[in-house]
Amino acid sequence: MTNEEWAFFERFIHSARAPNGRKPTNHRLVLDGIFWIARTGAPWRDLPEEFGKWSSVYRQIRRWTLAGLWEEIMEALNESGAVPEALLRKADALG
């Protein structure tokens, strides 16, 4: 992901702190791993090691999902106008 893309996501990621207060791992790398899974459709166990342990990346996406992070990100993307109108219509049709 580019620095500009990371700058968009970083503010959301840092607002969703771990419940145990531990210092987070490299969230940019975790997010890259999540996007790799989404792009390839591969099973979690096939996540390349360069993104970290698949189970850790999966655990993090579950935490962010339960915290409502993805809804916040989608809302901000919609409000920013960064998502083309055609993609929004397609997403509405799917969901």
Protein backbone atom coordinates (compact mmCIF):
# COMPACT_ATOMS: atom_id res chain seq x y z
CA MET A 1 0.00 0.00 0.00
CA THR A 2 1.20 3.47 -0.73
CA ASN A 3 2.05 6.02 1.96
CA GLU A 4 -1.02 8.03 0.93
CA GLU A 5 -3.28 4.98 1.33
CA TRP A 6 -1.73 4.15 4.70
CA ALA A 7 -2.26 7.74 5.86
CA PHE A 8 -5.99 7.31 5.23
CA PHE A 9 -6.29 4.01 7.12
CA GLU A 10 -3.85 4.81 9.93
CA ARG A 11 -6.19 7.16 11.81
CA PHE A 12 -8.86 4.45 12.02
CA ILE A 13 -6.42 1.71 12.96
CA HIS A 14 -4.88 3.71 15.79
CA SER A 15 -8.30 4.56 17.19
CA ALA A 16 -9.07 0.84 17.63
CA ARG A 17 -6.71 -0.05 20.47
CA ALA A 18 -6.12 -3.58 21.67
CA PRO A 19 -8.29 -4.45 24.69
CA ASN A 20 -5.26 -5.58 26.70
CA GLY A 21 -3.38 -2.33 26.11
CA ARG A 22 -0.43 -4.07 24.46
CA LYS A 23 1.63 -2.11 21.99
CA PRO A 24 0.38 -3.00 18.50
CA THR A 25 2.40 -4.87 15.97
CA ASN A 26 3.00 -3.41 12.53
CA HIS A 27 -0.61 -2.60 11.63
CA ARG A 28 0.35 -1.48 8.15
CA LEU A 29 1.76 -4.94 7.47
CA VAL A 30 -1.33 -6.58 9.00
CA LEU A 31 -3.59 -4.44 6.79
CA ASP A 32 -1.51 -5.38 3.75
CA GLY A 33 -2.03 -9.04 4.68
CA ILE A 34 -5.78 -8.53 4.99
CA PHE A 35 -5.86 -6.87 1.59
CA TRP A 36 -3.78 -9.73 0.15
CA ILE A 37 -6.38 -12.23 1.36
CA ALA A 38 -9.22 -10.08 -0.02
CA ARG A 39 -7.49 -9.68 -3.38
CA THR A 40 -6.48 -13.31 -3.86
CA GLY A 41 -9.38 -15.10 -2.18
CA ALA A 42 -6.84 -17.47 -0.63
CA PRO A 43 -7.53 -19.23 2.69
CA TRP A 44 -6.04 -17.58 5.77
CA ARG A 45 -3.57 -20.43 6.25
CA ASP A 46 -2.04 -19.56 2.86
CA LEU A 47 -1.14 -16.01 3.91
CA PRO A 48 2.56 -15.50 3.06
CA GLU A 49 4.81 -15.29 6.11
CA GLU A 50 5.95 -11.81 5.08
CA PHE A 51 2.66 -10.51 6.57
CA GLY A 52 3.16 -12.27 9.88
CA LYS A 53 1.47 -15.32 11.34
CA TRP A 54 -1.84 -15.95 9.57
CA SER A 55 -3.57 -16.56 12.90
CA SER A 56 -2.41 -13.18 14.25
CA VAL A 57 -3.58 -11.34 11.14
CA TYR A 58 -6.92 -13.15 11.28
CA ARG A 59 -7.31 -12.37 14.99
CA GLN A 60 -6.66 -8.69 14.26
CA ILE A 61 -9.23 -8.47 11.46
CA ARG A 62 -11.79 -10.07 13.80
CA ARG A 63 -11.04 -7.47 16.48
CA TRP A 64 -11.39 -4.63 13.99
CA THR A 65 -14.61 -6.13 12.62
CA LEU A 66 -16.16 -6.50 16.08
CA ALA A 67 -15.12 -2.92 16.91
CA GLY A 68 -16.99 -1.63 13.83
CA LEU A 69 -13.80 -0.35 12.21
CA TRP A 70 -14.70 -1.44 8.66
CA GLU A 71 -18.04 0.38 8.78
CA GLU A 72 -16.24 3.55 9.88
CA ILE A 73 -13.73 3.19 7.06
CA MET A 74 -16.45 2.60 4.45
CA GLU A 75 -18.42 5.61 5.69
CA ALA A 76 -15.33 7.83 5.51
CA LEU A 77 -14.53 6.57 2.02
CA ASN A 78 -18.07 7.30 0.89
CA GLU A 79 -17.97 10.81 2.38
CA SER A 80 -14.55 11.54 0.87
CA GLY A 81 -15.71 10.95 -2.67
CA ALA A 82 -12.67 8.74 -3.24
CA VAL A 83 -14.88 5.80 -4.21
CA PRO A 84 -16.30 6.08 -7.72
CA GLU A 85 -20.11 6.16 -7.86
CA ALA A 86 -20.16 2.95 -9.95
CA LEU A 87 -18.44 1.02 -7.14
CA LEU A 88 -20.89 2.32 -4.57
CA ARG A 89 -23.85 1.16 -6.69
CA LYS A 90 -22.21 -2.24 -7.13
CA ALA A 91 -21.60 -2.55 -3.37
CA ASP A 92 -25.23 -1.60 -2.66
CA ALA A 93 -26.42 -4.23 -5.12
CA LEU A 94 -24.31 -6.90 -3.41
CA GLY A 95 -25.21 -6.00 0.13
